[in-house]
Amino acid sequence: MTGLLALIESRKASIGILGQGYVGLPLALVFSEAGFPVIGFDSDAAKIAALNRGESYIKHIGANRVAAAVGGGRFRATGDFDQLRGCDAVLICVPTPLGQHREPDLSFVISSTKEVARRLRKGQLVVLESTTYPGTTDEDVLPILETTGLKTPDDFLLAFSPEREDPGNPTFHTKVIPKVVGGVNGQSTEAAVALYSAAVDTVVPVSSARVAESSKLLENIFRSINIALVNELKMTFDRMGIDIWEVIEAAKTKPFGFKPFYPGPGLGGHCIPLDPFYLSWKAAEYGMWTRFIELAGEINTHMPHFVVDKTVAALNAEGKSIKGAKVLVLGLSYKEDIDDDRESPSYEIIELLRGRGAEVSYCDPYFPVARPGRKHDIRLESVPCNADAFAGHDAVVLSTGHRQFRDPSLYARVPLVIDTRNVVKLSEGAKTRLVRA
């Protein structure tokens, strides 16, 4: 380990990062900007080619950063996993989706670990960053690596450090977000702490990989449960004729003991809709049933249905049927002003509206063409973001609050707007009916 620490201290340690998506690419850039030679590994040839041309395929990651890293000789991308042998540290940043029955799908982690194991050599540090259930690093990753005959800590080191990304957040980005690190043994923790400390501002060591894995789950479960709470209150207050948004604004004036969360059309992104179920699945192995997680999941996954029901009721109030109605859904991204549509509730809303007989279109400046996903393939192209395009619809459902959708003139000739994000403002004197959902 002494040799690895010396390489890290001198910025000569070669770092390989498996997966060049929303987690792996910013991590690669942060390490290259800290002076390390970095290789980004990915199975997508188009991504590899774009990166090596100095281009970015993620909106909030500037192409200038990629170009500077590539042009400076500190970063390159490849699909040749044999080059892992030359890396001193290997970071695994691959997806951990859910299966059809909400069971953890570790196939990407397992296949990536096997690729690493085929090239594992003495002196390497391996770190898993993909969010997963407690015990994955010790119970799944470690045995695969030890099939090589190498052992930790004598031959190689192994740790877990959960990714913490908030795409599009200009304040909190990879370098400034504190990094939790836990190894499968003390030597592994020490090496991983040294590595991340050389590139990010704050590193938080914990006693084990299991604690590090659990900390990430707690962060996301906290958000999932509190979002479910305000979503349930939104539906309850809606029955009472009370505006949940005004309630939240009033409650957050309390300077202690309250943190505002906001309702929406459902959960999206790579963490909150998925990660809590990794713990609920693992907890069953220990005879524990995580009822808060399951209840929050039930409420949050119901929200697209609530939005569609509100749309149907609002159309009925206008004397129109949902069957044959032209409905425009605004936004495919799961949050405003980013080009990330993973697990976006917009797709579910579109499918549900279609199931009710509506003719559905969408508008999203970040997605000129809707790309197929794991669960949905809506096969649509975005309509233009202007008042003329909007005017041809019986109802507009705002699912994502992109800043482009906040222009009141867009809705001047729309008879009905369903706003799930509390961002639509109508022009003075507009005859448009605005419904919050």
Protein backbone atom coordinates (compact mmCIF):
# COMPACT_ATOMS: atom_id res chain seq x y z
CA MET A 1 0.00 0.00 0.00
CA THR A 2 2.95 2.32 0.58
CA GLY A 3 3.65 2.39 -3.14
CA LEU A 4 0.04 3.27 -3.97
CA LEU A 5 -0.02 6.08 -1.42
CA ALA A 6 3.17 7.51 -2.89
CA LEU A 7 1.65 7.43 -6.38
CA ILE A 8 -1.47 9.20 -5.11
CA GLU A 9 0.54 11.85 -3.29
CA SER A 10 2.59 12.56 -6.41
CA ARG A 11 -0.53 12.57 -8.65
CA LYS A 12 1.03 9.77 -10.71
CA ALA A 13 -1.58 7.15 -9.84
CA SER A 14 -3.51 6.16 -12.97
CA ILE A 15 -7.25 6.12 -12.35
CA GLY A 16 -9.72 4.03 -14.33
CA ILE A 17 -13.42 4.81 -14.06
CA LEU A 18 -15.95 2.26 -15.31
CA GLY A 19 -19.05 4.01 -16.61
CA GLN A 20 -19.00 7.48 -18.15
CA GLY A 21 -22.50 8.62 -17.33
CA TYR A 22 -23.92 11.16 -14.90
CA VAL A 23 -21.63 9.88 -12.10
CA GLY A 24 -18.53 8.56 -13.83
CA LEU A 25 -17.88 11.45 -16.20
CA PRO A 26 -17.89 14.26 -13.61
CA LEU A 27 -15.74 12.08 -11.34
CA ALA A 28 -13.27 11.52 -14.16
CA LEU A 29 -13.06 15.26 -14.80
CA VAL A 30 -12.53 16.10 -11.14
CA PHE A 31 -9.62 13.65 -10.89
CA SER A 32 -8.08 14.83 -14.17
CA GLU A 33 -8.42 18.45 -13.05
CA ALA A 34 -6.58 17.47 -9.85
CA GLY A 35 -3.64 16.37 -12.02
CA PHE A 36 -4.21 12.61 -12.26
CA PRO A 37 -4.07 10.60 -15.50
CA VAL A 38 -7.59 9.21 -15.97
CA ILE A 39 -9.08 6.61 -18.31
CA GLY A 40 -12.84 6.52 -18.72
CA PHE A 41 -14.17 3.07 -19.59
CA ASP A 42 -17.54 2.58 -21.26
CA SER A 43 -19.24 0.06 -23.53
CA ASP A 44 -20.96 2.79 -25.59
CA ALA A 45 -18.80 3.51 -28.63
CA ALA A 46 -20.63 6.79 -29.33
CA LYS A 47 -19.80 8.11 -25.85
CA ILE A 48 -16.17 7.08 -26.19
CA ALA A 49 -15.84 8.84 -29.54
CA ALA A 50 -17.51 12.00 -28.24
CA LEU A 51 -15.28 12.20 -25.18
CA ASN A 52 -12.11 11.67 -27.19
CA ARG A 53 -13.21 14.53 -29.46
CA GLY A 54 -13.52 16.70 -26.36
CA GLU A 55 -17.32 16.77 -26.47
CA SER A 56 -19.88 16.40 -23.69
CA TYR A 57 -23.19 14.56 -24.06
CA ILE A 58 -24.48 15.77 -20.68
CA LYS A 59 -25.83 19.32 -20.72
CA HIS A 60 -24.65 20.50 -17.30
CA ILE A 61 -21.11 19.22 -17.92
CA GLY A 62 -19.46 21.77 -20.17
CA ALA A 63 -17.68 20.57 -23.29
CA ASN A 64 -14.89 22.99 -22.38
CA ARG A 65 -14.06 20.85 -19.34
CA VAL A 66 -13.93 17.68 -21.40
CA ALA A 67 -11.88 19.35 -24.13
CA ALA A 68 -9.41 20.74 -21.58
CA ALA A 69 -8.95 17.34 -19.93
CA VAL A 70 -8.48 15.55 -23.26
CA GLY A 71 -6.33 18.30 -24.75
CA GLY A 72 -4.12 18.37 -21.68
CA GLY A 73 -3.44 14.66 -22.02
CA ARG A 74 -4.93 13.86 -18.62
CA PHE A 75 -8.08 12.11 -19.80
CA ARG A 76 -9.11 9.68 -22.50
CA ALA A 77 -11.95 7.24 -23.00
CA THR A 78 -11.84 3.65 -24.19
CA GLY A 79 -13.84 0.46 -24.51
CA ASP A 80 -10.72 -1.67 -24.17
CA PHE A 81 -11.00 -3.13 -20.68
CA ASP A 82 -7.55 -4.71 -20.93
CA GLN A 83 -6.24 -1.24 -20.13
CA LEU A 84 -7.52 -1.72 -16.58
CA ARG A 85 -4.27 -3.55 -15.87
CA GLY A 86 -2.38 -0.28 -16.05
CA CYS A 87 -4.67 1.51 -13.58
CA ASP A 88 -3.62 1.93 -9.98
CA ALA A 89 -7.17 2.71 -8.82
CA VAL A 90 -10.37 1.45 -10.44
CA LEU A 91 -13.69 3.13 -9.63
CA ILE A 92 -16.93 1.39 -10.59
CA CYS A 93 -19.75 3.81 -11.46
CA VAL A 94 -22.41 1.73 -13.21
CA PRO A 95 -26.22 1.67 -12.91
CA THR A 96 -28.05 -0.34 -10.25
CA PRO A 97 -31.65 -0.47 -11.51
CA LEU A 98 -34.57 -2.46 -10.15
CA GLY A 99 -35.89 -5.62 -11.75
CA GLN A 100 -39.46 -6.21 -12.86
CA HIS A 101 -40.54 -7.06 -9.32
CA ARG A 102 -38.57 -4.27 -7.63
CA GLU A 103 -35.69 -6.57 -6.78
CA PRO A 104 -32.11 -5.22 -7.01
CA ASP A 105 -30.46 -5.68 -10.38
CA LEU A 106 -26.72 -5.93 -9.75
CA SER A 107 -25.95 -7.24 -13.23
CA PHE A 108 -23.94 -4.15 -14.21
CA VAL A 109 -21.96 -4.22 -10.95
CA ILE A 110 -21.28 -7.94 -11.27
CA SER A 111 -20.23 -7.79 -14.92
CA SER A 112 -18.00 -4.77 -14.27
CA THR A 113 -16.39 -6.46 -11.27
CA LYS A 114 -15.68 -9.52 -13.41
CA GLU A 115 -14.00 -7.30 -16.00
CA VAL A 116 -11.83 -5.86 -13.22
CA ALA A 117 -11.07 -9.31 -11.80
CA ARG A 118 -9.80 -10.53 -15.17
CA ARG A 119 -7.13 -7.80 -15.05
CA LEU A 120 -6.62 -7.44 -11.28
CA ARG A 121 -3.03 -7.11 -10.21
CA LYS A 122 -1.22 -6.58 -6.95
CA GLY A 123 -1.26 -3.07 -5.53
CA GLN A 124 -4.56 -1.96 -7.07
CA LEU A 125 -7.37 -0.15 -5.24
CA VAL A 126 -10.94 -0.94 -6.33
CA VAL A 127 -13.82 1.29 -5.22
CA LEU A 128 -17.51 0.67 -5.86
CA GLU A 129 -19.58 3.87 -6.17
CA SER A 130 -22.87 2.45 -7.44
CA THR A 131 -25.71 2.72 -4.91
CA THR A 132 -26.65 -0.67 -3.53
CA TYR A 133 -27.76 -2.59 -0.44
CA PRO A 134 -25.49 -2.99 2.60
CA GLY A 135 -23.09 -5.87 2.16
CA THR A 136 -22.67 -5.71 -1.62
CA THR A 137 -19.00 -4.75 -1.46
CA ASP A 138 -18.16 -7.49 1.07
CA GLU A 139 -20.55 -10.21 -0.12
CA ASP A 140 -20.67 -9.75 -3.89
CA VAL A 141 -17.71 -7.71 -5.13
CA LEU A 142 -14.98 -9.07 -2.85
CA PRO A 143 -15.55 -12.80 -3.62
CA ILE A 144 -15.37 -12.11 -7.36
CA LEU A 145 -12.08 -10.26 -7.00
CA GLU A 146 -10.66 -13.01 -4.78
CA THR A 147 -11.33 -15.68 -7.42
CA THR A 148 -8.04 -14.44 -8.86
CA GLY A 149 -6.20 -15.86 -5.87
CA LEU A 150 -5.30 -12.34 -4.74
CA LYS A 151 -6.40 -11.31 -1.25
CA THR A 152 -7.13 -8.04 0.51
CA PRO A 153 -5.40 -6.21 2.08
CA ASP A 154 -2.14 -7.96 1.22
CA ASP A 155 -2.58 -7.94 -2.56
CA PHE A 156 -5.31 -5.41 -3.39
CA LEU A 157 -7.58 -2.95 -1.59
CA LEU A 158 -11.37 -2.58 -1.78
CA ALA A 159 -13.74 0.15 -0.61
CA PHE A 160 -17.16 1.67 -1.15
CA SER A 161 -17.78 5.38 -1.66
CA PRO A 162 -21.35 6.34 -2.59
CA GLU A 163 -21.84 8.77 -5.44
CA ARG A 164 -23.56 12.02 -4.52
CA GLU A 165 -24.62 13.84 -7.65
CA ASP A 166 -27.32 16.47 -8.14
CA PRO A 167 -27.37 17.08 -11.90
CA GLY A 168 -27.66 20.73 -12.83
CA ASN A 169 -26.99 22.05 -9.32
CA PRO A 170 -24.46 24.89 -9.75
CA THR A 171 -23.69 25.08 -6.02
CA PHE A 172 -23.12 21.45 -5.12
CA HIS A 173 -20.97 19.54 -7.60
CA THR A 174 -18.57 16.61 -7.38
CA LYS A 175 -15.58 18.49 -6.02
CA VAL A 176 -17.37 20.23 -3.16
CA ILE A 177 -19.83 17.50 -2.07
CA PRO A 178 -18.34 15.62 0.93
CA LYS A 179 -17.28 12.09 0.01
CA VAL A 180 -18.10 9.22 2.38
CA VAL A 181 -15.57 6.38 2.22
CA GLY A 182 -15.59 2.98 3.89
CA GLY A 183 -13.27 0.07 3.15
CA VAL A 184 -13.60 -3.66 3.74
CA ASN A 185 -10.60 -3.27 6.06
CA GLY A 186 -8.60 -0.42 7.57
CA GLN A 187 -5.90 -0.38 4.91
CA SER A 188 -8.50 -0.12 2.16
CA THR A 189 -10.20 2.80 3.92
CA GLU A 190 -6.87 4.58 4.32
CA ALA A 191 -6.00 4.24 0.64
CA ALA A 192 -9.45 5.29 -0.59
CA VAL A 193 -9.46 8.31 1.73
CA ALA A 194 -6.05 9.34 0.39
CA LEU A 195 -7.26 9.00 -3.20
CA TYR A 196 -10.45 11.04 -2.84
CA SER A 197 -8.76 13.61 -0.61
CA ALA A 198 -6.46 14.43 -3.51
CA ALA A 199 -9.41 15.47 -5.70
CA VAL A 200 -12.40 16.51 -3.58
CA ASP A 201 -12.59 19.08 -0.81
CA THR A 202 -13.96 16.95 2.04
CA VAL A 203 -13.68 13.21 2.71
CA VAL A 204 -15.61 11.49 5.49
CA PRO A 205 -14.13 8.12 6.49
CA VAL A 206 -16.44 5.58 8.14
CA SER A 207 -15.75 2.27 9.84
CA SER A 208 -16.79 -0.08 7.04
CA ALA A 209 -18.09 -0.45 3.52
CA ARG A 210 -21.46 -1.45 4.99
CA VAL A 211 -21.76 1.86 6.82
CA ALA A 212 -20.88 3.76 3.65
CA GLU A 213 -23.46 1.76 1.66
CA SER A 214 -26.09 2.39 4.33
CA SER A 215 -25.42 6.12 4.53
CA LYS A 216 -26.33 6.57 0.89
CA LEU A 217 -29.56 4.65 1.37
CA LEU A 218 -30.48 6.75 4.39
CA GLU A 219 -30.01 9.95 2.40
CA ASN A 220 -32.37 8.79 -0.34
CA ILE A 221 -34.90 7.14 1.96
CA PHE A 222 -35.12 10.39 3.93
CA ARG A 223 -36.06 12.26 0.77
CA SER A 224 -38.39 9.56 -0.51
CA ILE A 225 -40.41 9.42 2.69
CA ASN A 226 -40.67 13.19 3.08
CA ILE A 227 -41.67 13.66 -0.55
CA ALA A 228 -44.29 10.96 -0.07
CA LEU A 229 -45.58 12.85 2.96
CA VAL A 230 -46.13 16.10 1.05
CA ASN A 231 -47.56 14.18 -1.90
CA GLU A 232 -50.11 12.55 0.40
CA LEU A 233 -50.87 15.91 1.99
CA LYS A 234 -51.29 17.43 -1.47
CA MET A 235 -53.99 14.90 -2.30
CA THR A 236 -55.62 15.35 1.12
CA PHE A 237 -55.61 19.16 1.02
CA ASP A 238 -56.84 19.05 -2.57
CA ARG A 239 -60.03 17.36 -1.33
CA MET A 240 -60.35 20.12 1.26
CA GLY A 241 -59.84 22.93 -1.23
CA ILE A 242 -56.54 23.96 0.41
CA ASP A 243 -53.46 24.95 -1.62
CA ILE A 244 -50.54 22.73 -0.51
CA TRP A 245 -48.04 25.20 -1.94
CA GLU A 246 -49.34 28.02 0.23
CA VAL A 247 -49.32 25.67 3.23
CA ILE A 248 -45.65 24.84 2.66
CA GLU A 249 -44.69 28.50 2.27
CA ALA A 250 -46.39 29.27 5.58
CA ALA A 251 -44.86 26.30 7.41
CA LYS A 252 -41.31 27.03 6.29
CA THR A 253 -41.36 30.40 8.02
CA LYS A 254 -40.72 28.41 11.21
CA PRO A 255 -36.96 28.85 11.81
CA PHE A 256 -36.45 25.50 13.51
CA GLY A 257 -37.72 21.93 13.38
CA PHE A 258 -39.05 22.06 9.82
CA LYS A 259 -37.53 21.36 6.40
CA PRO A 260 -39.64 22.04 3.30
CA PHE A 261 -40.23 19.31 0.75
CA TYR A 262 -42.34 19.84 -2.33
CA PRO A 263 -44.91 17.63 -4.07
CA GLY A 264 -44.79 16.68 -7.71
CA PRO A 265 -46.13 14.34 -10.39
CA GLY A 266 -44.03 11.42 -9.13
CA LEU A 267 -40.41 10.59 -8.42
CA GLY A 268 -37.68 10.61 -11.02
CA GLY A 269 -33.92 10.41 -11.28
CA HIS A 270 -31.37 7.70 -10.66
CA CYS A 271 -31.65 7.52 -6.86
CA ILE A 272 -34.85 8.25 -4.98
CA PRO A 273 -37.29 6.10 -7.01
CA LEU A 274 -34.97 3.08 -6.85
CA ASP A 275 -32.48 3.03 -4.00
CA PRO A 276 -34.85 2.69 -1.00
CA PHE A 277 -36.06 -0.65 -2.35
CA TYR A 278 -32.51 -1.99 -2.24
CA LEU A 279 -32.71 -1.76 1.54
CA SER A 280 -36.26 -3.11 1.81
CA TRP A 281 -35.20 -6.13 -0.27
CA LYS A 282 -32.11 -6.76 1.85
CA ALA A 283 -33.96 -6.16 5.13
CA ALA A 284 -36.24 -9.13 4.43
CA GLU A 285 -33.17 -11.38 4.68
CA TYR A 286 -32.98 -10.31 8.33
CA GLY A 287 -36.70 -10.68 9.03
CA MET A 288 -37.36 -6.94 8.92
CA TRP A 289 -40.13 -5.27 6.91
CA THR A 290 -39.42 -1.64 6.07
CA ARG A 291 -42.97 -0.33 6.13
CA PHE A 292 -42.07 3.37 5.78
CA ILE A 293 -40.15 2.62 2.58
CA GLU A 294 -42.96 0.54 1.12
CA LEU A 295 -45.63 3.10 2.01
CA ALA A 296 -43.60 5.97 0.58
CA GLY A 297 -43.10 3.98 -2.60
CA GLU A 298 -46.81 3.28 -2.85
CA ILE A 299 -47.72 6.96 -2.51
CA ASN A 300 -45.02 8.27 -4.83
CA THR A 301 -45.72 5.77 -7.60
CA HIS A 302 -49.41 6.71 -7.43
CA MET A 303 -48.79 10.37 -8.24
CA PRO A 304 -48.90 10.03 -12.07
CA HIS A 305 -52.36 8.48 -11.64
CA PHE A 306 -53.42 11.44 -9.50
CA VAL A 307 -52.23 13.87 -12.19
CA VAL A 308 -54.12 12.02 -14.90
CA ASP A 309 -57.28 11.84 -12.77
CA LYS A 310 -57.06 15.60 -12.20
CA THR A 311 -56.65 16.13 -15.94
CA VAL A 312 -59.69 14.01 -16.72
CA ALA A 313 -61.79 15.83 -14.13
CA ALA A 314 -60.65 19.24 -15.38
CA LEU A 315 -61.54 18.32 -18.97
CA ASN A 316 -64.93 17.06 -17.82
CA ALA A 317 -65.55 20.39 -16.13
CA GLU A 318 -64.92 22.01 -19.50
CA GLY A 319 -67.47 19.70 -21.12
CA LYS A 320 -64.79 17.60 -22.84
CA SER A 321 -63.97 13.91 -22.74
CA ILE A 322 -60.46 12.61 -22.26
CA LYS A 323 -61.13 10.22 -25.14
CA GLY A 324 -59.94 12.02 -28.24
CA ALA A 325 -58.70 15.06 -26.31
CA LYS A 326 -55.43 16.58 -27.45
CA VAL A 327 -53.15 16.77 -24.44
CA LEU A 328 -49.66 18.29 -24.39
CA VAL A 329 -47.24 17.14 -21.65
CA LEU A 330 -44.49 19.62 -20.83
CA GLY A 331 -41.13 18.11 -19.91
CA LEU A 332 -39.55 14.67 -20.11
CA SER A 333 -36.70 15.43 -17.69
CA TYR A 334 -37.25 14.31 -14.13
CA LYS A 335 -36.29 17.78 -12.84
CA GLU A 336 -36.11 21.26 -14.30
CA ASP A 337 -33.41 22.52 -16.65
CA ILE A 338 -31.47 19.28 -17.16
CA ASP A 339 -31.31 16.67 -19.91
CA ASP A 340 -31.78 13.70 -17.58
CA ASP A 341 -34.99 11.71 -18.05
CA ARG A 342 -34.14 8.63 -16.00
CA GLU A 343 -37.25 7.27 -14.23
CA SER A 344 -39.13 10.45 -15.14
CA PRO A 345 -42.84 10.33 -14.17
CA SER A 346 -43.63 12.14 -17.43
CA TYR A 347 -43.42 8.87 -19.33
CA GLU A 348 -45.92 7.22 -17.00
CA ILE A 349 -48.26 10.20 -17.35
CA ILE A 350 -48.07 10.00 -21.14
CA GLU A 351 -48.78 6.27 -21.14
CA LEU A 352 -51.72 6.69 -18.74
CA LEU A 353 -53.23 9.49 -20.80
CA ARG A 354 -52.91 7.37 -23.91
CA GLY A 355 -54.61 4.53 -22.05
CA ARG A 356 -57.56 6.83 -21.39
CA GLY A 357 -57.85 7.58 -25.09
CA ALA A 358 -56.11 10.95 -25.30
CA GLU A 359 -54.00 12.08 -28.25
CA VAL A 360 -50.77 12.96 -26.46
CA SER A 361 -47.88 15.18 -27.55
CA TYR A 362 -44.94 16.47 -25.55
CA CYS A 363 -42.63 19.45 -25.49
CA ASP A 364 -39.14 19.44 -24.06
CA PRO A 365 -36.28 21.56 -25.44
CA TYR A 366 -33.76 19.07 -24.02
CA PHE A 367 -35.28 16.10 -25.87
CA PRO A 368 -36.13 16.89 -29.51
CA VAL A 369 -36.82 13.16 -29.91
CA ALA A 370 -37.95 10.96 -27.03
CA ARG A 371 -35.40 8.23 -26.51
CA PRO A 372 -36.51 4.70 -25.59
CA GLY A 373 -35.98 3.66 -22.00
CA ARG A 374 -36.09 0.47 -19.98
CA LYS A 375 -39.86 0.69 -19.40
CA HIS A 376 -41.20 3.20 -21.93
CA ASP A 377 -40.86 3.95 -25.61
CA ILE A 378 -43.37 6.67 -26.49
CA ARG A 379 -42.05 7.19 -30.05
CA LEU A 380 -42.70 10.93 -30.20
CA GLU A 381 -40.89 14.10 -31.22
CA SER A 382 -41.14 17.34 -29.28
CA VAL A 383 -43.51 20.01 -30.52
CA PRO A 384 -42.03 23.53 -30.68
CA CYS A 385 -41.99 25.53 -27.48
CA ASN A 386 -44.20 28.40 -28.63
CA ALA A 387 -47.75 29.66 -28.20
CA ASP A 388 -48.86 28.52 -31.65
CA ALA A 389 -47.89 24.90 -30.97
CA PHE A 390 -49.48 24.96 -27.52
CA ALA A 391 -52.74 26.46 -28.82
CA GLY A 392 -53.67 23.34 -30.75
CA HIS A 393 -54.31 21.34 -27.58
CA ASP A 394 -57.32 20.92 -25.30
CA ALA A 395 -55.11 20.71 -22.22
CA VAL A 396 -51.49 21.24 -21.27
CA VAL A 397 -50.01 19.21 -18.40
CA LEU A 398 -46.83 20.71 -16.95
CA SER A 399 -44.78 17.83 -15.54
CA THR A 400 -41.32 19.44 -15.44
CA GLY A 401 -40.73 23.07 -14.54
CA HIS A 402 -38.14 24.03 -17.17
CA ARG A 403 -37.53 27.77 -17.25
CA GLN A 404 -38.69 27.78 -20.88
CA PHE A 405 -42.18 26.86 -19.66
CA ARG A 406 -42.48 29.86 -17.32
CA ASP A 407 -43.40 32.37 -20.00
CA PRO A 408 -47.08 33.34 -19.48
CA SER A 409 -47.54 34.07 -23.18
CA LEU A 410 -47.16 30.35 -23.97
CA TYR A 411 -50.56 29.65 -22.45
CA ALA A 412 -52.52 32.58 -23.86
CA ARG A 413 -54.58 30.39 -26.22
CA VAL A 414 -54.66 27.20 -24.17
CA PRO A 415 -58.08 26.52 -22.60
CA LEU A 416 -56.76 24.39 -19.73
CA VAL A 417 -53.41 24.02 -17.92
CA ILE A 418 -52.68 21.34 -15.30
CA ASP A 419 -49.65 22.51 -13.28
CA THR A 420 -47.91 19.85 -11.15
CA ARG A 421 -44.98 22.06 -10.13
CA ASN A 422 -46.60 25.38 -9.18
CA VAL A 423 -44.60 27.32 -11.78
CA VAL A 424 -47.17 28.39 -14.38
CA LYS A 425 -48.12 32.07 -14.30
CA LEU A 426 -50.85 33.31 -16.61
CA SER A 427 -51.00 36.68 -18.31
CA GLU A 428 -53.35 39.20 -16.76
CA GLY A 429 -56.83 38.76 -18.18
CA ALA A 430 -56.07 35.32 -19.64
CA LYS A 431 -59.11 33.09 -20.08
CA THR A 432 -57.06 29.95 -19.50
CA ARG A 433 -58.21 27.77 -16.61
CA LEU A 434 -55.29 26.84 -14.33
CA VAL A 435 -55.53 23.71 -12.18
CA ARG A 436 -52.87 22.66 -9.68
CA ALA A 437 -52.23 18.93 -9.47
